[in-house]
Amino acid sequence: GVAAPGLPEDIPLMEGATEVAALGQMVTFAVEQPVSDVIAFYKTAMADNGWTMEESIVEEMQTFTKDGRSATIMVSQAEEENPNKSNVVIMVEDPSAE
């Protein structure tokens, strides 16, 4: 992954991400991948970067914690007619940065 504006180094941006936008501690982007692939990518990538996945009731919304920080990743299908395009929102909370 490539570092995106607004994302810490230990949270990768998926390859092929388009429409990348950063607002404060939130980054949004679209990617030509089905929701399940995006979720699988982040479960692996976050663990590889030392993040711990919290228990989640909703598969499309995962929260990870590391060193007092938290990152919530929400994935949704971008277009009804295109199940292979997803919208992703990553919100990072870092109390030490405030």
Foldseek 3Di string as FASTA:
>chain_A
DDDDVLDPPQQDDDPQWPPWDDDHNKIKTKHQAALVVVLVVRVVSNVVSPWAWDDDPDSQWIWTDDPQKIKIKGKDQDDPVRRRMIMIMIGIGDVVVD
